[in-house]
N, C-alpha and C. Protein backbone atom coordinates (compact mmCIF):
# COMPACT_ATOMS: atom_id res chain seq x y z
N MET A 1 21.69 -31.03 -1.68
CA MET A 1 20.63 -30.01 -2.16
C MET A 1 20.83 -28.83 -2.75
N LYS A 2 20.14 -28.55 -4.25
CA LYS A 2 20.75 -27.53 -4.58
C LYS A 2 20.38 -26.40 -3.97
N THR A 3 21.47 -25.17 -4.01
CA THR A 3 21.44 -23.95 -3.29
C THR A 3 21.55 -22.67 -4.27
N ARG A 4 21.56 -23.01 -5.63
CA ARG A 4 21.51 -21.78 -6.63
C ARG A 4 20.34 -22.02 -7.46
N ALA A 5 19.89 -21.05 -7.45
CA ALA A 5 18.20 -21.06 -7.98
C ALA A 5 18.25 -20.82 -9.23
N LYS A 6 17.37 -21.19 -9.93
CA LYS A 6 17.16 -20.93 -11.56
C LYS A 6 15.64 -20.91 -11.92
N PHE A 7 15.75 -20.23 -13.21
CA PHE A 7 14.07 -19.98 -13.48
C PHE A 7 13.39 -21.22 -13.73
N GLY A 8 12.54 -21.50 -12.96
CA GLY A 8 11.64 -22.38 -13.57
C GLY A 8 11.61 -23.43 -11.97
N ASP A 9 12.50 -23.21 -10.88
CA ASP A 9 12.63 -24.13 -9.92
C ASP A 9 11.47 -23.85 -8.75
N ILE A 10 10.98 -24.92 -8.34
CA ILE A 10 10.03 -24.80 -7.31
C ILE A 10 10.80 -24.72 -5.75
N MET A 11 10.41 -23.76 -5.09
CA MET A 11 11.03 -23.60 -3.85
C MET A 11 9.94 -24.16 -2.78
N GLU A 12 10.43 -24.44 -1.58
CA GLU A 12 9.48 -24.61 -0.04
C GLU A 12 10.01 -23.70 0.72
N VAL A 13 8.95 -23.15 1.54
CA VAL A 13 9.09 -22.42 2.24
C VAL A 13 8.29 -23.19 3.66
N LEU A 14 9.02 -23.22 5.27
CA LEU A 14 8.03 -23.34 6.22
C LEU A 14 7.04 -22.25 6.68
N THR A 15 6.05 -22.47 6.68
CA THR A 15 5.19 -21.85 8.01
C THR A 15 4.32 -22.46 9.08
N PRO A 16 3.92 -21.39 9.86
CA PRO A 16 3.39 -21.89 11.00
C PRO A 16 2.18 -22.98 10.48
N ARG A 17 1.95 -23.05 9.48
CA ARG A 17 0.41 -23.98 9.30
C ARG A 17 1.08 -25.03 8.03
N GLY A 18 2.40 -25.26 7.60
CA GLY A 18 2.82 -26.22 6.88
C GLY A 18 3.68 -25.80 5.78
N MET A 19 3.81 -26.55 4.85
CA MET A 19 4.63 -25.92 3.50
C MET A 19 4.21 -25.42 2.63
N ALA A 20 4.58 -24.49 2.10
CA ALA A 20 4.05 -23.45 0.88
C ALA A 20 5.36 -23.65 -0.30
N TYR A 21 4.56 -23.30 -1.35
CA TYR A 21 5.65 -23.46 -2.57
C TYR A 21 5.23 -22.42 -3.28
N PHE A 22 6.24 -22.10 -4.02
CA PHE A 22 6.75 -20.99 -5.12
C PHE A 22 7.55 -21.17 -6.19
N GLN A 23 7.22 -20.99 -7.26
CA GLN A 23 7.74 -20.99 -8.65
C GLN A 23 8.83 -19.75 -8.95
N TYR A 24 10.23 -20.11 -8.61
CA TYR A 24 11.12 -19.08 -9.46
C TYR A 24 10.93 -18.52 -10.75
N MET A 25 10.42 -17.24 -11.16
CA MET A 25 9.83 -17.02 -12.33
C MET A 25 11.15 -16.35 -13.15
N SER A 26 11.31 -15.02 -12.91
CA SER A 26 12.48 -14.65 -13.42
C SER A 26 12.96 -13.49 -12.65
N GLN A 27 13.84 -12.60 -13.53
CA GLN A 27 14.29 -11.39 -12.82
C GLN A 27 14.36 -10.42 -13.31
N ASN A 28 14.12 -9.29 -12.65
CA ASN A 28 13.62 -7.81 -13.36
C ASN A 28 14.95 -7.12 -12.68
N LYS A 29 15.32 -6.23 -13.82
CA LYS A 29 16.54 -5.50 -13.39
C LYS A 29 16.25 -4.53 -12.39
N ASP A 30 14.85 -4.12 -12.24
CA ASP A 30 14.54 -2.90 -10.89
C ASP A 30 14.25 -3.61 -10.08
N TYR A 31 13.44 -4.58 -9.95
CA TYR A 31 12.78 -5.50 -8.64
C TYR A 31 13.55 -6.54 -8.18
N GLY A 32 14.24 -7.16 -8.84
CA GLY A 32 14.69 -8.34 -8.54
C GLY A 32 14.16 -9.54 -9.08
N ASP A 33 13.82 -10.65 -7.83
CA ASP A 33 13.25 -12.04 -8.49
C ASP A 33 12.08 -12.20 -8.21
N LEU A 34 11.36 -12.21 -9.47
CA LEU A 34 9.89 -12.77 -9.35
C LEU A 34 9.65 -14.20 -8.82
N ILE A 35 8.47 -14.21 -8.39
CA ILE A 35 8.13 -15.39 -8.00
C ILE A 35 6.57 -15.62 -8.26
N LYS A 36 6.27 -16.83 -8.38
CA LYS A 36 4.64 -16.74 -8.78
C LYS A 36 4.26 -18.26 -7.31
N ILE A 37 3.88 -17.28 -6.46
CA ILE A 37 3.18 -18.24 -5.39
C ILE A 37 2.33 -19.14 -5.26
N LEU A 38 2.77 -20.68 -5.26
CA LEU A 38 1.70 -21.69 -5.77
C LEU A 38 0.18 -21.79 -4.60
N PRO A 39 -0.80 -22.16 -5.22
CA PRO A 39 -2.18 -22.03 -3.82
C PRO A 39 -1.77 -23.47 -2.97
N GLY A 40 -2.43 -23.18 -1.73
CA GLY A 40 -2.34 -24.24 -0.71
C GLY A 40 -0.92 -24.35 0.46
N ILE A 41 -1.34 -24.60 1.44
CA ILE A 41 -0.56 -25.28 2.18
C ILE A 41 -0.59 -26.68 2.74
N PHE A 42 0.55 -27.33 2.77
CA PHE A 42 0.30 -28.60 2.87
C PHE A 42 1.57 -29.23 3.98
N ALA A 43 0.51 -30.40 4.74
CA ALA A 43 1.29 -31.16 5.80
C ALA A 43 2.34 -31.93 5.51
N GLU A 44 2.40 -32.44 4.23
CA GLU A 44 3.61 -33.43 3.04
C GLU A 44 3.87 -32.74 2.07
N ARG A 45 5.12 -32.73 1.46
CA ARG A 45 5.68 -32.59 0.32
C ARG A 45 4.89 -33.41 -0.91
N PRO A 46 4.47 -32.38 -1.49
CA PRO A 46 3.63 -33.25 -2.90
C PRO A 46 4.60 -34.08 -3.53
N LYS A 47 4.36 -35.28 -4.03
CA LYS A 47 5.28 -36.02 -4.87
C LYS A 47 5.67 -35.78 -6.16
N ARG A 48 4.60 -35.14 -6.78
CA ARG A 48 5.15 -34.16 -8.08
C ARG A 48 4.35 -32.56 -7.97
N PHE A 49 5.07 -31.68 -9.10
CA PHE A 49 4.54 -30.92 -9.18
C PHE A 49 3.98 -30.13 -10.37
N GLU A 50 3.72 -30.82 -11.43
CA GLU A 50 3.41 -30.60 -12.45
C GLU A 50 2.38 -29.97 -12.56
N GLU A 51 1.14 -30.78 -11.84
CA GLU A 51 -0.51 -30.07 -11.88
C GLU A 51 -0.38 -28.66 -10.66
N LEU A 52 0.45 -28.72 -9.84
CA LEU A 52 0.43 -27.41 -8.64
C LEU A 52 1.06 -25.93 -9.74
N ALA A 53 2.43 -26.46 -10.31
CA ALA A 53 2.78 -25.39 -11.15
C ALA A 53 1.95 -24.72 -12.84
N LYS A 54 1.02 -25.81 -12.85
CA LYS A 54 0.43 -25.20 -13.69
C LYS A 54 -1.18 -24.14 -13.06
N LYS A 55 -1.50 -24.11 -12.04
CA LYS A 55 -2.69 -23.68 -11.28
C LYS A 55 -2.12 -21.84 -11.50
N GLU A 56 -3.33 -21.36 -11.42
CA GLU A 56 -3.10 -19.99 -11.08
C GLU A 56 -2.50 -19.58 -9.89
N GLY A 57 -1.51 -18.37 -9.64
CA GLY A 57 -0.64 -18.33 -8.36
C GLY A 57 -0.91 -16.51 -8.38
N ILE A 58 -0.22 -16.05 -7.01
CA ILE A 58 0.07 -14.88 -6.98
C ILE A 58 1.45 -14.37 -7.41
N PHE A 59 1.70 -13.30 -7.87
CA PHE A 59 2.94 -12.76 -8.43
C PHE A 59 3.79 -11.53 -7.57
N VAL A 60 4.54 -11.92 -7.36
CA VAL A 60 5.07 -11.04 -6.18
C VAL A 60 6.75 -10.93 -6.15
N PHE A 61 7.72 -9.66 -6.14
CA PHE A 61 8.70 -9.79 -6.15
C PHE A 61 9.49 -10.11 -4.65
N TYR A 62 10.28 -11.19 -4.73
CA TYR A 62 10.79 -11.50 -3.64
C TYR A 62 12.52 -12.35 -3.69
N PRO A 63 13.17 -12.04 -2.68
CA PRO A 63 14.52 -12.37 -2.77
C PRO A 63 14.71 -13.65 -2.44
N ALA A 64 14.26 -14.38 -4.00
CA ALA A 64 14.18 -15.85 -3.99
C ALA A 64 15.58 -16.55 -3.81
N THR A 65 16.60 -15.72 -4.56
CA THR A 65 18.13 -16.68 -4.70
C THR A 65 18.72 -16.29 -3.21
N LEU A 66 18.15 -15.18 -3.07
CA LEU A 66 19.05 -14.79 -1.30
C LEU A 66 18.30 -15.89 -0.05
N ALA A 67 17.05 -16.19 -0.23
CA ALA A 67 16.49 -17.26 0.55
C ALA A 67 17.07 -18.39 0.64
N THR A 68 17.47 -18.98 -0.68
CA THR A 68 17.98 -20.17 -0.91
C THR A 68 19.27 -20.12 -0.15
N LYS A 69 20.11 -19.29 -0.35
CA LYS A 69 21.47 -18.80 0.13
C LYS A 69 21.30 -18.97 1.80
N ARG A 70 20.27 -18.62 2.38
CA ARG A 70 20.40 -18.33 3.69
C ARG A 70 19.16 -19.33 4.38
N LYS A 71 19.05 -20.31 3.38
CA LYS A 71 18.19 -21.74 3.88
C LYS A 71 16.97 -21.26 4.55
N LYS A 72 16.45 -20.25 3.63
CA LYS A 72 15.19 -19.75 4.27
C LYS A 72 13.93 -20.29 3.22
N ALA A 73 14.49 -20.80 1.95
CA ALA A 73 13.89 -21.39 0.98
C ALA A 73 14.69 -22.56 0.37
N SER A 74 14.12 -23.55 0.06
CA SER A 74 14.46 -24.75 -0.17
C SER A 74 13.90 -25.31 -1.64
N ILE A 75 15.04 -25.62 -2.93
CA ILE A 75 14.68 -26.13 -4.25
C ILE A 75 14.12 -27.64 -3.90
N VAL A 76 13.16 -27.86 -4.36
CA VAL A 76 12.57 -29.09 -4.24
C VAL A 76 12.42 -29.84 -5.54
N ALA A 77 11.94 -28.79 -6.49
CA ALA A 77 11.88 -29.19 -8.10
C ALA A 77 12.31 -28.51 -9.02
N THR A 78 12.25 -28.63 -10.29
CA THR A 78 12.11 -27.84 -11.22
C THR A 78 11.31 -28.04 -12.45
N MET A 79 10.46 -26.96 -12.66
CA MET A 79 9.06 -27.32 -13.74
C MET A 79 9.41 -26.47 -14.93
N PRO A 80 8.86 -26.41 -16.11
CA PRO A 80 9.08 -25.55 -17.19
C PRO A 80 7.83 -24.32 -16.63
N ILE A 81 8.32 -23.13 -16.86
CA ILE A 81 7.68 -22.06 -16.92
C ILE A 81 6.72 -22.09 -18.15
N SER A 82 5.45 -22.04 -18.07
CA SER A 82 4.16 -21.97 -18.77
C SER A 82 4.08 -20.83 -19.90
N ALA A 83 4.45 -21.20 -21.11
CA ALA A 83 4.03 -19.99 -21.88
C ALA A 83 3.47 -18.68 -21.67
N GLU A 84 2.12 -19.30 -21.06
CA GLU A 84 0.93 -18.22 -20.81
C GLU A 84 1.43 -17.48 -19.58
N ASP A 85 2.23 -17.81 -18.89
CA ASP A 85 2.63 -17.28 -17.06
C ASP A 85 4.02 -16.53 -17.90
N LYS A 86 5.06 -16.80 -18.87
CA LYS A 86 5.82 -16.01 -19.37
C LYS A 86 4.94 -14.52 -19.77
N ARG A 87 4.10 -14.80 -20.60
CA ARG A 87 3.95 -13.47 -21.31
C ARG A 87 2.83 -12.72 -20.47
N ARG A 88 2.39 -13.20 -19.22
CA ARG A 88 1.55 -12.70 -18.31
C ARG A 88 1.87 -10.87 -17.75
N LYS A 89 1.08 -9.97 -17.93
CA LYS A 89 1.14 -8.93 -17.53
C LYS A 89 0.54 -8.98 -15.98
N ILE A 90 1.59 -8.70 -15.08
CA ILE A 90 1.55 -8.75 -13.60
C ILE A 90 1.60 -7.71 -12.72
N PHE A 91 2.33 -6.43 -13.06
CA PHE A 91 2.23 -5.42 -12.40
C PHE A 91 2.11 -3.95 -13.07
N ARG A 92 1.43 -2.95 -11.96
CA ARG A 92 1.77 -1.67 -12.74
C ARG A 92 2.15 -0.50 -11.79
N THR A 93 3.15 0.34 -12.40
CA THR A 93 3.33 1.58 -11.44
C THR A 93 3.21 2.73 -12.32
N ASN A 94 2.70 3.78 -11.44
CA ASN A 94 2.12 4.94 -12.22
C ASN A 94 3.09 6.21 -11.67
N SER A 95 3.86 6.74 -12.73
CA SER A 95 4.60 8.02 -12.42
C SER A 95 4.12 9.26 -13.19
N MET A 96 4.69 10.01 -12.91
CA MET A 96 4.22 11.55 -13.62
C MET A 96 5.92 11.94 -14.45
N SER A 97 5.61 11.67 -15.98
CA SER A 97 6.70 12.47 -16.77
C SER A 97 7.19 13.59 -16.79
N ASN A 98 8.00 14.09 -17.45
CA ASN A 98 8.63 15.33 -17.16
C ASN A 98 7.34 16.27 -18.15
N ASN A 99 6.70 15.76 -18.76
CA ASN A 99 5.83 16.88 -19.33
C ASN A 99 4.46 16.66 -18.74
N GLY A 100 4.29 16.36 -17.74
CA GLY A 100 3.43 16.33 -16.65
C GLY A 100 2.25 15.40 -16.83
N HIS A 101 2.51 14.26 -17.91
CA HIS A 101 1.61 13.24 -18.16
C HIS A 101 1.92 11.83 -17.58
N VAL A 102 0.63 11.24 -16.98
CA VAL A 102 1.20 9.58 -16.17
C VAL A 102 1.20 8.76 -16.88
N VAL A 103 2.41 8.54 -16.49
CA VAL A 103 3.33 7.25 -17.20
C VAL A 103 3.11 6.14 -16.36
N THR A 104 2.59 4.80 -17.05
CA THR A 104 2.68 3.58 -16.35
C THR A 104 3.67 2.62 -16.70
N GLU A 105 4.29 1.77 -16.22
CA GLU A 105 5.39 0.98 -16.35
C GLU A 105 4.65 -0.28 -15.86
N ILE A 106 4.55 -1.41 -17.15
CA ILE A 106 3.93 -2.25 -17.16
C ILE A 106 5.20 -3.40 -16.94
N VAL A 107 4.59 -4.15 -15.92
CA VAL A 107 6.11 -5.18 -15.64
C VAL A 107 5.13 -6.59 -16.03
N THR A 108 6.23 -7.47 -16.99
CA THR A 108 5.58 -9.16 -17.49
C THR A 108 6.36 -9.72 -16.48
N ALA A 109 5.91 -11.24 -16.67
CA ALA A 109 6.22 -12.28 -15.62
C ALA A 109 7.58 -13.00 -16.41
N ASP A 110 7.97 -12.13 -17.66
CA ASP A 110 9.28 -12.77 -18.23
C ASP A 110 10.29 -11.53 -17.52
N GLY A 111 10.21 -11.18 -16.59
CA GLY A 111 11.16 -9.86 -16.15
C GLY A 111 11.38 -8.78 -17.09
N GLU A 112 10.80 -8.43 -17.78
CA GLU A 112 10.78 -7.29 -18.78
C GLU A 112 9.49 -6.23 -18.48
N SER A 113 9.73 -5.20 -19.21
CA SER A 113 8.92 -4.13 -18.21
C SER A 113 8.98 -2.97 -19.93
N TYR A 114 7.95 -2.46 -19.81
CA TYR A 114 7.78 -0.89 -20.61
C TYR A 114 6.83 0.22 -20.18
N LEU A 115 6.84 0.93 -20.83
CA LEU A 115 6.30 2.29 -20.38
C LEU A 115 5.46 2.66 -21.24
N THR A 116 4.29 3.08 -20.80
CA THR A 116 3.44 3.90 -21.99
C THR A 116 2.13 4.75 -21.12
N GLU A 117 1.67 5.49 -21.95
CA GLU A 117 0.79 6.74 -21.51
C GLU A 117 -0.66 6.45 -21.83
N SER A 118 -0.83 5.37 -22.20
CA SER A 118 -2.01 5.05 -22.19
C SER A 118 -2.12 3.23 -21.96
N VAL A 119 -3.37 3.15 -20.78
CA VAL A 119 -3.67 1.80 -20.60
C VAL A 119 -4.97 1.08 -21.02
N ASP A 120 -4.79 -0.31 -21.17
CA ASP A 120 -5.90 -0.94 -21.24
C ASP A 120 -6.57 -1.21 -20.05
N LEU A 121 -8.04 -1.50 -20.61
CA LEU A 121 -8.69 -2.22 -19.38
C LEU A 121 -8.16 -3.10 -18.29
N GLU A 122 -7.56 -3.96 -19.27
CA GLU A 122 -6.78 -5.13 -18.35
C GLU A 122 -5.62 -4.49 -17.51
N GLU A 123 -4.92 -3.74 -17.84
CA GLU A 123 -3.83 -2.73 -17.38
C GLU A 123 -4.07 -2.26 -16.35
N LYS A 124 -5.34 -1.74 -16.46
CA LYS A 124 -5.87 -0.66 -15.28
C LYS A 124 -6.11 -1.46 -13.78
N GLN A 125 -6.28 -2.78 -14.34
CA GLN A 125 -6.76 -3.77 -13.09
C GLN A 125 -5.39 -4.48 -12.43
N LEU A 126 -4.33 -4.43 -13.04
CA LEU A 126 -3.42 -4.94 -12.22
C LEU A 126 -2.75 -4.11 -10.95
N PRO A 127 -2.39 -5.01 -9.98
CA PRO A 127 -1.96 -4.48 -8.71
C PRO A 127 -0.43 -3.63 -9.32
N ASP A 128 -0.29 -2.57 -7.76
CA ASP A 128 0.78 -1.88 -8.10
C ASP A 128 1.69 -2.89 -7.74
N THR A 129 3.15 -2.79 -8.01
CA THR A 129 4.32 -3.63 -8.11
C THR A 129 4.57 -3.70 -6.71
N GLU A 130 4.85 -5.10 -6.32
CA GLU A 130 4.85 -5.56 -4.77
C GLU A 130 6.62 -6.08 -4.88
N LEU A 131 6.96 -5.99 -3.40
CA LEU A 131 8.46 -6.27 -3.33
C LEU A 131 8.24 -7.07 -1.61
N TRP A 132 8.10 -8.18 -1.56
CA TRP A 132 7.86 -8.83 -0.28
C TRP A 132 9.03 -9.35 0.56
N ASN A 133 9.37 -9.08 1.73
CA ASN A 133 10.70 -9.80 2.07
C ASN A 133 10.06 -11.34 2.77
N HIS A 134 11.06 -11.98 3.61
CA HIS A 134 10.57 -13.40 3.71
C HIS A 134 9.40 -13.44 5.11
N LYS A 135 9.46 -11.99 5.84
CA LYS A 135 8.69 -12.32 7.13
C LYS A 135 7.15 -12.32 6.15
N MET A 136 6.83 -10.81 5.27
CA MET A 136 5.58 -10.64 4.51
C MET A 136 5.28 -11.85 3.86
N LEU A 137 6.53 -12.47 3.03
CA LEU A 137 6.09 -13.70 2.08
C LEU A 137 5.08 -14.65 3.24
N ILE A 138 5.82 -15.17 4.11
CA ILE A 138 5.09 -15.98 4.75
C ILE A 138 3.80 -15.73 5.51
N HIS A 139 4.06 -14.46 6.10
CA HIS A 139 2.43 -13.70 6.54
C HIS A 139 1.30 -13.98 5.42
N GLN A 140 1.47 -13.21 4.38
CA GLN A 140 0.63 -13.52 3.53
C GLN A 140 0.16 -15.19 2.36
N ILE A 141 1.13 -15.74 2.70
CA ILE A 141 0.81 -16.81 2.57
C ILE A 141 -0.19 -17.42 3.70
N ILE A 142 0.02 -17.62 4.74
CA ILE A 142 -0.73 -18.10 5.55
C ILE A 142 -2.19 -17.11 6.19
N SER A 143 -2.04 -15.61 5.58
CA SER A 143 -3.55 -14.98 5.76
C SER A 143 -4.11 -15.04 4.25
N GLY A 144 -3.90 -15.40 3.60
CA GLY A 144 -4.49 -15.47 2.12
C GLY A 144 -3.97 -14.21 1.65
N GLY A 145 -3.23 -13.49 1.45
CA GLY A 145 -2.99 -12.07 1.23
C GLY A 145 -2.49 -12.21 -0.40
N ARG A 146 -2.77 -10.67 -1.22
CA ARG A 146 -2.58 -10.79 -2.13
C ARG A 146 -1.86 -9.25 -2.44
N PRO A 147 -1.37 -9.09 -3.45
CA PRO A 147 -1.14 -7.84 -3.92
C PRO A 147 -2.22 -6.93 -3.94
N GLU A 148 -1.87 -5.80 -3.21
CA GLU A 148 -3.11 -4.68 -3.45
C GLU A 148 -3.31 -3.85 -4.77
N LYS A 149 -4.65 -3.71 -5.08
CA LYS A 149 -4.69 -2.65 -6.27
C LYS A 149 -5.01 -1.17 -5.64
N LYS A 150 -4.11 -0.56 -5.93
CA LYS A 150 -4.43 1.02 -5.69
C LYS A 150 -4.40 1.66 -6.50
N PHE A 151 -5.70 2.50 -6.71
CA PHE A 151 -5.97 3.26 -7.58
C PHE A 151 -6.05 5.03 -7.27
């Protein structure tokens, strides 16, 4: 079984309700491994992941490479990351600049981020950057949790 994660890998985690899956999307220099949690909890491993990987998911930062090394997650497939997902804006973080203006960092699913002083309506709706450990990942999967929008 593969233990070295690469972008596009589909990983399986065990929850008290069954198996859940996420796709390893990218790595951000400040926040680490970005994953897309795929919808559903399964009693049996799906035979194919093509359709599941295309569905909307929840994006969070989670130490996926470490989880595979520690056997908390298993690599079960590899799927291409969709062009739409690669371009997706996923998080924002507000901070104050030296000149007193609010600066927003926008994080994209391809692992990049940029700073801006003006955000559009779509960017205002993005949740704050989230970093989940393994315990939080499992809890949020079984409870249907999502990254919070804090305004």
